[in-house]
Amino acid sequence: MNWERNIVIKSNEELAVMRKAGRVNALALETVRKMIRPGITTAELNAAAEEVIRSYNGKPVFLGYPGPYPYPATLCISINEELVHGIPGTRRLAEGDIVSIDCGTELNGFVGDAAFTAGVGEISPQAQLLLQVTEEALYKGIEQMRPGNQTGDVSAAIQSHVEENHLHVTKLYTGHGVGRQMHEGPQVPNYGKSGKGIPLRPGMTIALEPMVLVGTSKTKVLPDQWTVVSEDGSLTAHFEHSVAVTENGSVILTLPSEP
């Protein structure tokens, strides 16, 4: 994909539709968040999210997404060392796990894409720090999404916060534009230099998604050809929001209620 050529500026009316898609996506994620507990299967979480999305006449955009083979689920559910793209199934969550839930919803032709990582029961201090820093990094990036800045300002804000806390950002997986398609331009890595990259303009919509690892920035893909894990088996976390650039700064599109 030519990321720069694939940037689509949205009108205020289109942003309003994206906000509705984002709200349904957020409601699906909140439903799943409330279900997270030891013993529940990832397939049960997946089914609950799909039920919410379809109840609003939405479409799960991950389901059937092209790849090594069509993605087989509504959610990506990634546990502990699994960074992204974990496939739901019979695995049961266990006390002390951390689990990343990534969801995408299409409604009325537009997509909302968001993710969070949560602890299962009581988690270790290291895991708590990882979750805190990763979510903070997301909001550091969102703060930089305003006219006059560039994508590098967003990337640098994420990277600096993560690395100040002695953690690592992945270099292979990035944030991206989102709109009528789940992946549009621009590409927004979780590392970069301030003042570099593509200028941010009102109407740009980007899914920012810090993906953070405890021990290394290196990853590998499991034999299922989808699940990405840390190369050293260390813990990982993932937070994401779809965000619009407006004249007045950034607006999060994937909240469960109006901001």
C-alpha atoms as a PDB file:
ATOM      1  CA  MET A   1       0.000   0.000   0.000  1.00  0.00           C
ATOM      2  CA  ASN A   2       1.148   3.539  -0.775  1.00  0.00           C
ATOM      3  CA  TRP A   3       0.224   4.949   2.633  1.00  0.00           C
ATOM      4  CA  GLU A   4       0.657   8.617   1.708  1.00  0.00           C
ATOM      5  CA  ARG A   5      -1.563   8.394  -1.371  1.00  0.00           C
ATOM      6  CA  ASN A   6      -4.239   6.507   0.537  1.00  0.00           C
ATOM      7  CA  ILE A   7      -5.011   9.333   3.004  1.00  0.00           C
ATOM      8  CA  VAL A   8      -8.721  10.157   2.969  1.00  0.00           C
ATOM      9  CA  ILE A   9      -9.936  13.433   4.519  1.00  0.00           C
ATOM     10  CA  LYS A  10     -13.357  13.071   6.156  1.00  0.00           C
ATOM     11  CA  SER A  11     -16.097  15.669   6.304  1.00  0.00           C
ATOM     12  CA  ASN A  12     -17.810  16.532   9.586  1.00  0.00           C
ATOM     13  CA  GLU A  13     -20.763  14.407   8.455  1.00  0.00           C
ATOM     14  CA  GLU A  14     -18.494  11.433   7.806  1.00  0.00           C
ATOM     15  CA  LEU A  15     -16.814  11.887  11.185  1.00  0.00           C
ATOM     16  CA  ALA A  16     -20.249  11.707  12.812  1.00  0.00           C
ATOM     17  CA  VAL A  17     -20.868   8.347  11.114  1.00  0.00           C
ATOM     18  CA  MET A  18     -17.435   7.130  12.203  1.00  0.00           C
ATOM     19  CA  ARG A  19     -18.317   8.155  15.748  1.00  0.00           C
ATOM     20  CA  LYS A  20     -21.367   5.872  15.625  1.00  0.00           C
ATOM     21  CA  ALA A  21     -19.266   2.953  14.379  1.00  0.00           C
ATOM     22  CA  GLY A  22     -16.716   3.687  17.079  1.00  0.00           C
ATOM     23  CA  ARG A  23     -19.383   3.727  19.764  1.00  0.00           C
ATOM     24  CA  VAL A  24     -20.694   0.287  18.789  1.00  0.00           C
ATOM     25  CA  ASN A  25     -17.130  -1.010  18.767  1.00  0.00           C
ATOM     26  CA  ALA A  26     -16.562   0.465  22.224  1.00  0.00           C
ATOM     27  CA  LEU A  27     -19.734  -1.170  23.556  1.00  0.00           C
ATOM     28  CA  ALA A  28     -18.507  -4.546  22.269  1.00  0.00           C
ATOM     29  CA  LEU A  29     -15.152  -4.027  23.992  1.00  0.00           C
ATOM     30  CA  GLU A  30     -16.805  -2.938  27.249  1.00  0.00           C
ATOM     31  CA  THR A  31     -18.979  -6.062  27.196  1.00  0.00           C
ATOM     32  CA  VAL A  32     -15.883  -8.215  26.829  1.00  0.00           C
ATOM     33  CA  ARG A  33     -13.968  -6.295  29.498  1.00  0.00           C
ATOM     34  CA  LYS A  34     -16.700  -7.078  32.051  1.00  0.00           C
ATOM     35  CA  MET A  35     -16.501 -10.795  31.203  1.00  0.00           C
ATOM     36  CA  ILE A  36     -12.756 -11.184  31.733  1.00  0.00           C
ATOM     37  CA  ARG A  37     -12.128 -13.615  34.589  1.00  0.00           C
ATOM     38  CA  PRO A  38     -10.214 -16.833  35.250  1.00  0.00           C
ATOM     39  CA  GLY A  39     -11.767 -19.808  33.485  1.00  0.00           C
ATOM     40  CA  ILE A  40     -13.579 -18.064  30.646  1.00  0.00           C
ATOM     41  CA  THR A  41     -12.591 -19.125  27.134  1.00  0.00           C
ATOM     42  CA  THR A  42     -11.435 -16.739  24.467  1.00  0.00           C
ATOM     43  CA  ALA A  43     -14.166 -18.146  22.195  1.00  0.00           C
ATOM     44  CA  GLU A  44     -16.799 -16.996  24.702  1.00  0.00           C
ATOM     45  CA  LEU A  45     -15.368 -13.477  24.654  1.00  0.00           C
ATOM     46  CA  ASN A  46     -15.332 -13.511  20.878  1.00  0.00           C
ATOM     47  CA  ALA A  47     -18.976 -14.614  20.661  1.00  0.00           C
ATOM     48  CA  ALA A  48     -20.097 -11.893  23.063  1.00  0.00           C
ATOM     49  CA  ALA A  49     -18.400  -9.154  21.039  1.00  0.00           C
ATOM     50  CA  GLU A  50     -19.921 -10.397  17.797  1.00  0.00           C
ATOM     51  CA  GLU A  51     -23.389 -10.477  19.370  1.00  0.00           C
ATOM     52  CA  VAL A  52     -23.098  -6.828  20.409  1.00  0.00           C
ATOM     53  CA  ILE A  53     -21.836  -5.697  17.009  1.00  0.00           C
ATOM     54  CA  ARG A  54     -24.573  -7.518  15.089  1.00  0.00           C
ATOM     55  CA  SER A  55     -27.269  -6.285  17.488  1.00  0.00           C
ATOM     56  CA  TYR A  56     -26.533  -2.760  16.189  1.00  0.00           C
ATOM     57  CA  ASN A  57     -26.519  -3.984  12.556  1.00  0.00           C
ATOM     58  CA  GLY A  58     -22.756  -3.659  12.461  1.00  0.00           C
ATOM     59  CA  LYS A  59     -20.256  -5.933  10.774  1.00  0.00           C
ATOM     60  CA  PRO A  60     -17.151  -7.425  12.440  1.00  0.00           C
ATOM     61  CA  VAL A  61     -14.400  -6.202  10.104  1.00  0.00           C
ATOM     62  CA  PHE A  62     -11.715  -8.619  11.320  1.00  0.00           C
ATOM     63  CA  LEU A  63     -13.841 -11.652  10.414  1.00  0.00           C
ATOM     64  CA  GLY A  64     -12.649 -12.912   7.038  1.00  0.00           C
ATOM     65  CA  TYR A  65      -9.922 -10.248   6.764  1.00  0.00           C
ATOM     66  CA  PRO A  66      -7.367 -11.259   4.091  1.00  0.00           C
ATOM     67  CA  GLY A  67      -4.055 -12.708   5.251  1.00  0.00           C
ATOM     68  CA  PRO A  68      -2.255 -16.049   5.106  1.00  0.00           C
ATOM     69  CA  TYR A  69      -5.871 -17.300   5.235  1.00  0.00           C
ATOM     70  CA  PRO A  70      -9.054 -15.336   6.014  1.00  0.00           C
ATOM     71  CA  TYR A  71      -9.022 -14.284   9.669  1.00  0.00           C
ATOM     72  CA  PRO A  72     -11.479 -16.628  11.441  1.00  0.00           C
ATOM     73  CA  ALA A  73     -12.859 -14.473  14.276  1.00  0.00           C
ATOM     74  CA  THR A  74     -14.436 -11.171  15.320  1.00  0.00           C
ATOM     75  CA  LEU A  75     -11.756 -10.353  17.907  1.00  0.00           C
ATOM     76  CA  CYS A  76      -8.018 -10.672  18.102  1.00  0.00           C
ATOM     77  CA  ILE A  77      -7.306 -12.002  21.612  1.00  0.00           C
ATOM     78  CA  SER A  78      -3.643 -12.092  22.596  1.00  0.00           C
ATOM     79  CA  ILE A  79      -2.440 -13.390  25.963  1.00  0.00           C
ATOM     80  CA  ASN A  80       0.794 -12.598  27.841  1.00  0.00           C
ATOM     81  CA  GLU A  81       3.667 -12.871  25.313  1.00  0.00           C
ATOM     82  CA  GLU A  82       1.194 -12.662  22.397  1.00  0.00           C
ATOM     83  CA  LEU A  83       1.374  -9.118  21.065  1.00  0.00           C
ATOM     84  CA  VAL A  84      -1.360  -9.001  18.401  1.00  0.00           C
ATOM     85  CA  HIS A  85      -3.551 -11.147  16.128  1.00  0.00           C
ATOM     86  CA  GLY A  86      -4.153 -13.994  18.579  1.00  0.00           C
ATOM     87  CA  ILE A  87      -7.009 -16.221  17.397  1.00  0.00           C
ATOM     88  CA  PRO A  88      -9.837 -16.979  19.883  1.00  0.00           C
ATOM     89  CA  GLY A  89     -10.551 -20.602  20.683  1.00  0.00           C
ATOM     90  CA  THR A  90     -10.743 -23.082  23.548  1.00  0.00           C
ATOM     91  CA  ARG A  91      -8.005 -21.508  25.683  1.00  0.00           C
ATOM     92  CA  ARG A  92      -9.195 -20.437  29.121  1.00  0.00           C
ATOM     93  CA  LEU A  93      -7.911 -17.313  30.830  1.00  0.00           C
ATOM     94  CA  ALA A  94      -5.950 -17.950  34.013  1.00  0.00           C
ATOM     95  CA  GLU A  95      -5.338 -15.897  37.155  1.00  0.00           C
ATOM     96  CA  GLY A  96      -2.404 -13.555  36.554  1.00  0.00           C
ATOM     97  CA  ASP A  97      -2.692 -13.488  32.747  1.00  0.00           C
ATOM     98  CA  ILE A  98      -2.861 -10.246  30.837  1.00  0.00           C
ATOM     99  CA  VAL A  99      -5.093 -10.301  27.780  1.00  0.00           C
ATOM    100  CA  SER A 100      -5.252  -7.900  24.832  1.00  0.00           C
ATOM    101  CA  ILE A 101      -8.619  -7.503  23.104  1.00  0.00           C
ATOM    102  CA  ASP A 102      -8.637  -5.894  19.639  1.00  0.00           C
ATOM    103  CA  CYS A 103     -11.928  -5.238  17.836  1.00  0.00           C
ATOM    104  CA  GLY A 104     -13.066  -3.598  14.618  1.00  0.00           C
ATOM    105  CA  THR A 105     -16.636  -2.691  13.640  1.00  0.00           C
ATOM    106  CA  GLU A 106     -18.070  -1.455  10.348  1.00  0.00           C
ATOM    107  CA  LEU A 107     -21.319   0.499  10.535  1.00  0.00           C
ATOM    108  CA  ASN A 108     -22.904   2.436   7.673  1.00  0.00           C
ATOM    109  CA  GLY A 109     -19.766   2.086   5.591  1.00  0.00           C
ATOM    110  CA  PHE A 110     -17.228   3.302   8.177  1.00  0.00           C
ATOM    111  CA  VAL A 111     -14.929   1.491  10.590  1.00  0.00           C
ATOM    112  CA  GLY A 112     -14.124   1.900  14.282  1.00  0.00           C
ATOM    113  CA  ASP A 113     -10.980   0.109  15.510  1.00  0.00           C
ATOM    114  CA  ALA A 114      -9.801  -0.051  19.132  1.00  0.00           C
ATOM    115  CA  ALA A 115      -8.059  -2.292  21.650  1.00  0.00           C
ATOM    116  CA  PHE A 116      -7.200  -2.609  25.326  1.00  0.00           C
ATOM    117  CA  THR A 117      -5.169  -4.907  27.569  1.00  0.00           C
ATOM    118  CA  ALA A 118      -6.470  -6.020  30.965  1.00  0.00           C
ATOM    119  CA  GLY A 119      -5.330  -8.183  33.827  1.00  0.00           C
ATOM    120  CA  VAL A 120      -7.066 -11.427  34.759  1.00  0.00           C
ATOM    121  CA  GLY A 121      -7.483 -11.328  38.528  1.00  0.00           C
ATOM    122  CA  GLU A 122      -4.353 -10.226  40.374  1.00  0.00           C
ATOM    123  CA  ILE A 123      -1.377  -9.528  38.120  1.00  0.00           C
ATOM    124  CA  SER A 124       2.321  -8.919  38.788  1.00  0.00           C
ATOM    125  CA  PRO A 125       3.780  -5.455  39.401  1.00  0.00           C
ATOM    126  CA  GLN A 126       5.683  -5.795  36.117  1.00  0.00           C
ATOM    127  CA  ALA A 127       2.442  -6.472  34.250  1.00  0.00           C
ATOM    128  CA  GLN A 128       0.717  -3.553  35.990  1.00  0.00           C
ATOM    129  CA  LEU A 129       3.501  -1.206  34.934  1.00  0.00           C
ATOM    130  CA  LEU A 130       3.369  -2.500  31.370  1.00  0.00           C
ATOM    131  CA  LEU A 131      -0.377  -1.847  31.106  1.00  0.00           C
ATOM    132  CA  GLN A 132      -0.071   1.599  32.666  1.00  0.00           C
ATOM    133  CA  VAL A 133       2.774   2.748  30.430  1.00  0.00           C
ATOM    134  CA  THR A 134       1.201   1.397  27.245  1.00  0.00           C
ATOM    135  CA  GLU A 135      -2.119   3.146  27.871  1.00  0.00           C
ATOM    136  CA  GLU A 136      -0.330   6.351  28.845  1.00  0.00           C
ATOM    137  CA  ALA A 137       1.682   6.164  25.611  1.00  0.00           C
ATOM    138  CA  LEU A 138      -1.552   5.998  23.618  1.00  0.00           C
ATOM    139  CA  TYR A 139      -2.780   9.224  25.181  1.00  0.00           C
ATOM    140  CA  LYS A 140       0.622  10.874  24.738  1.00  0.00           C
ATOM    141  CA  GLY A 141       0.236  10.146  21.021  1.00  0.00           C
ATOM    142  CA  ILE A 142      -3.354  11.371  20.921  1.00  0.00           C
ATOM    143  CA  GLU A 143      -2.271  14.689  22.465  1.00  0.00           C
ATOM    144  CA  GLN A 144      -0.003  15.282  19.464  1.00  0.00           C
ATOM    145  CA  MET A 145      -2.772  14.743  16.884  1.00  0.00           C
ATOM    146  CA  ARG A 146      -3.489  18.342  15.988  1.00  0.00           C
ATOM    147  CA  PRO A 147      -3.097  20.528  12.898  1.00  0.00           C
ATOM    148  CA  GLY A 148       0.428  21.843  12.479  1.00  0.00           C
ATOM    149  CA  ASN A 149       2.023  18.686  13.819  1.00  0.00           C
ATOM    150  CA  GLN A 150       3.306  15.756  11.787  1.00  0.00           C
ATOM    151  CA  THR A 151       2.981  12.022  12.164  1.00  0.00           C
ATOM    152  CA  GLY A 152       6.515  11.919  13.552  1.00  0.00           C
ATOM    153  CA  ASP A 153       5.410  14.034  16.515  1.00  0.00           C
ATOM    154  CA  VAL A 154       2.832  11.379  17.380  1.00  0.00           C
ATOM    155  CA  SER A 155       5.286   8.520  16.934  1.00  0.00           C
ATOM    156  CA  ALA A 156       8.007  10.234  18.955  1.00  0.00           C
ATOM    157  CA  ALA A 157       5.645  10.929  21.860  1.00  0.00           C
ATOM    158  CA  ILE A 158       4.711   7.253  22.049  1.00  0.00           C
ATOM    159  CA  GLN A 159       8.279   6.003  21.749  1.00  0.00           C
ATOM    160  CA  SER A 160       9.778   8.387  24.271  1.00  0.00           C
ATOM    161  CA  HIS A 161       7.234   7.566  26.972  1.00  0.00           C
ATOM    162  CA  VAL A 162       7.682   3.826  26.497  1.00  0.00           C
ATOM    163  CA  GLU A 163      11.468   3.941  26.447  1.00  0.00           C
ATOM    164  CA  GLU A 164      11.652   6.306  29.433  1.00  0.00           C
ATOM    165  CA  ASN A 165      10.051   3.454  31.343  1.00  0.00           C
ATOM    166  CA  HIS A 166      12.609   0.931  30.034  1.00  0.00           C
ATOM    167  CA  LEU A 167      10.126  -0.884  27.792  1.00  0.00           C
ATOM    168  CA  HIS A 168      10.179  -1.506  24.039  1.00  0.00           C
ATOM    169  CA  VAL A 169       7.964  -0.614  21.061  1.00  0.00           C
ATOM    170  CA  THR A 170       7.591  -2.983  18.141  1.00  0.00           C
ATOM    171  CA  LYS A 171       9.164  -1.817  14.895  1.00  0.00           C
ATOM    172  CA  LEU A 172       7.158  -4.089  12.582  1.00  0.00           C
ATOM    173  CA  TYR A 173       3.538  -3.246  13.432  1.00  0.00           C
ATOM    174  CA  THR A 174       2.108   0.250  13.284  1.00  0.00           C
ATOM    175  CA  GLY A 175      -0.864   2.524  13.670  1.00  0.00           C
ATOM    176  CA  HIS A 176      -2.711   3.445  10.494  1.00  0.00           C
ATOM    177  CA  GLY A 177      -5.385   5.572   8.922  1.00  0.00           C
ATOM    178  CA  VAL A 178      -8.922   4.252   9.278  1.00  0.00           C
ATOM    179  CA  GLY A 179     -12.216   5.158   7.620  1.00  0.00           C
ATOM    180  CA  ARG A 180     -14.177   3.389   4.922  1.00  0.00           C
ATOM    181  CA  GLN A 181     -11.404   0.811   5.066  1.00  0.00           C
ATOM    182  CA  MET A 182      -9.786  -0.619   8.166  1.00  0.00           C
ATOM    183  CA  HIS A 183      -6.347   0.246   6.800  1.00  0.00           C
ATOM    184  CA  GLU A 184      -5.899   3.617   5.095  1.00  0.00           C
ATOM    185  CA  GLY A 185      -3.063   6.132   5.089  1.00  0.00           C
ATOM    186  CA  PRO A 186      -1.085   7.424   6.805  1.00  0.00           C
ATOM    187  CA  GLN A 187       1.022   4.757   8.464  1.00  0.00           C
ATOM    188  CA  VAL A 188       1.953   5.881  12.002  1.00  0.00           C
ATOM    189  CA  PRO A 189       4.714   3.809  13.637  1.00  0.00           C
ATOM    190  CA  ASN A 190       5.205   3.704  17.396  1.00  0.00           C
ATOM    191  CA  TYR A 191       8.675   5.184  16.944  1.00  0.00           C
ATOM    192  CA  GLY A 192       9.920   8.223  15.055  1.00  0.00           C
ATOM    193  CA  LYS A 193      11.293  11.759  15.140  1.00  0.00           C
ATOM    194  CA  SER A 194       9.420  14.942  15.980  1.00  0.00           C
ATOM    195  CA  GLY A 195       8.982  17.261  13.028  1.00  0.00           C
ATOM    196  CA  LYS A 196       9.177  14.436  10.494  1.00  0.00           C
ATOM    197  CA  GLY A 197       6.525  12.563   8.568  1.00  0.00           C
ATOM    198  CA  ILE A 198       3.208  13.579   7.040  1.00  0.00           C
ATOM    199  CA  PRO A 199       1.502  16.839   8.113  1.00  0.00           C
ATOM    200  CA  LEU A 200      -1.658  16.339  10.141  1.00  0.00           C
ATOM    201  CA  ARG A 201      -4.773  18.020   8.722  1.00  0.00           C
ATOM    202  CA  PRO A 202      -8.354  18.330   9.960  1.00  0.00           C
ATOM    203  CA  GLY A 203     -10.398  15.374   8.760  1.00  0.00           C
ATOM    204  CA  MET A 204      -7.582  12.839   9.017  1.00  0.00           C
ATOM    205  CA  THR A 205      -8.568   9.771  11.031  1.00  0.00           C
ATOM    206  CA  ILE A 206      -5.942   7.466  12.479  1.00  0.00           C
ATOM    207  CA  ALA A 207      -6.015   4.315  14.599  1.00  0.00           C
ATOM    208  CA  LEU A 208      -3.165   4.861  17.047  1.00  0.00           C
ATOM    209  CA  GLU A 209      -2.027   1.646  18.698  1.00  0.00           C
ATOM    210  CA  PRO A 210       1.038   1.425  20.923  1.00  0.00           C
ATOM    211  CA  MET A 211       2.225  -2.184  21.055  1.00  0.00           C
ATOM    212  CA  VAL A 212       4.741  -2.547  23.863  1.00  0.00           C
ATOM    213  CA  LEU A 213       7.017  -5.369  24.987  1.00  0.00           C
ATOM    214  CA  VAL A 214       8.900  -5.879  28.254  1.00  0.00           C
ATOM    215  CA  GLY A 215      12.095  -7.515  27.067  1.00  0.00           C
ATOM    216  CA  THR A 216      12.706  -6.786  23.389  1.00  0.00           C
ATOM    217  CA  SER A 217      11.323  -5.046  20.320  1.00  0.00           C
ATOM    218  CA  LYS A 218      11.712  -8.257  18.322  1.00  0.00           C
ATOM    219  CA  THR A 219       8.766 -10.464  17.440  1.00  0.00           C
ATOM    220  CA  LYS A 220       7.960 -13.667  15.583  1.00  0.00           C
ATOM    221  CA  VAL A 221       4.825 -15.199  14.084  1.00  0.00           C
ATOM    222  CA  LEU A 222       3.495 -18.509  15.406  1.00  0.00           C
ATOM    223  CA  PRO A 223       2.714 -21.482  13.133  1.00  0.00           C
ATOM    224  CA  ASP A 224      -0.976 -20.440  12.972  1.00  0.00           C
ATOM    225  CA  GLN A 225       0.422 -17.685  10.679  1.00  0.00           C
ATOM    226  CA  TRP A 226      -1.465 -14.915  12.508  1.00  0.00           C
ATOM    227  CA  THR A 227      -0.403 -14.717  16.166  1.00  0.00           C
ATOM    228  CA  VAL A 228       2.556 -12.384  16.788  1.00  0.00           C
ATOM    229  CA  VAL A 229       4.595 -12.993  19.972  1.00  0.00           C
ATOM    230  CA  SER A 230       7.608 -11.412  21.633  1.00  0.00           C
ATOM    231  CA  GLU A 231      10.759 -13.191  20.484  1.00  0.00           C
ATOM    232  CA  ASP A 232      11.989 -13.690  24.050  1.00  0.00           C
ATOM    233  CA  GLY A 233       8.616 -14.720  25.504  1.00  0.00           C
ATOM    234  CA  SER A 234       8.279 -11.569  27.624  1.00  0.00           C
ATOM    235  CA  LEU A 235       4.976  -9.854  28.368  1.00  0.00           C
ATOM    236  CA  THR A 236       3.315  -7.528  25.850  1.00  0.00           C
ATOM    237  CA  ALA A 237       0.452  -5.020  25.829  1.00  0.00           C
ATOM    238  CA  HIS A 238      -1.669  -3.214  23.236  1.00  0.00           C
ATOM    239  CA  PHE A 239      -3.959  -0.183  23.509  1.00  0.00           C
ATOM    240  CA  GLU A 240      -5.707   1.510  20.592  1.00  0.00           C
ATOM    241  CA  HIS A 241      -8.223   4.219  19.701  1.00  0.00           C
ATOM    242  CA  SER A 242      -9.449   5.583  16.390  1.00  0.00           C
ATOM    243  CA  VAL A 243      -8.830   9.338  16.549  1.00  0.00           C
ATOM    244  CA  ALA A 244      -9.797  12.296  14.337  1.00  0.00           C
ATOM    245  CA  VAL A 245      -7.719  15.402  13.777  1.00  0.00           C
ATOM    246  CA  THR A 246      -9.938  18.508  13.984  1.00  0.00           C
ATOM    247  CA  GLU A 247      -9.354  22.251  13.960  1.00  0.00           C
ATOM    248  CA  ASN A 248      -9.545  22.127  17.753  1.00  0.00           C
ATOM    249  CA  GLY A 249      -7.232  19.163  18.242  1.00  0.00           C
ATOM    250  CA  SER A 250      -7.855  15.435  18.570  1.00  0.00           C
ATOM    251  CA  VAL A 251     -11.214  13.709  19.074  1.00  0.00           C
ATOM    252  CA  ILE A 252     -11.420  10.042  20.090  1.00  0.00           C
ATOM    253  CA  LEU A 253     -13.975   8.239  17.917  1.00  0.00           C
ATOM    254  CA  THR A 254     -14.053   4.932  19.793  1.00  0.00           C
ATOM    255  CA  LEU A 255     -15.560   5.838  23.161  1.00  0.00           C
ATOM    256  CA  PRO A 256     -18.755   4.175  24.487  1.00  0.00           C
ATOM    257  CA  SER A 257     -20.503   7.537  24.958  1.00  0.00           C
ATOM    258  CA  GLU A 258     -20.121  11.087  23.726  1.00  0.00           C
ATOM    259  CA  PRO A 259     -16.945  12.801  25.068  1.00  0.00           C
END
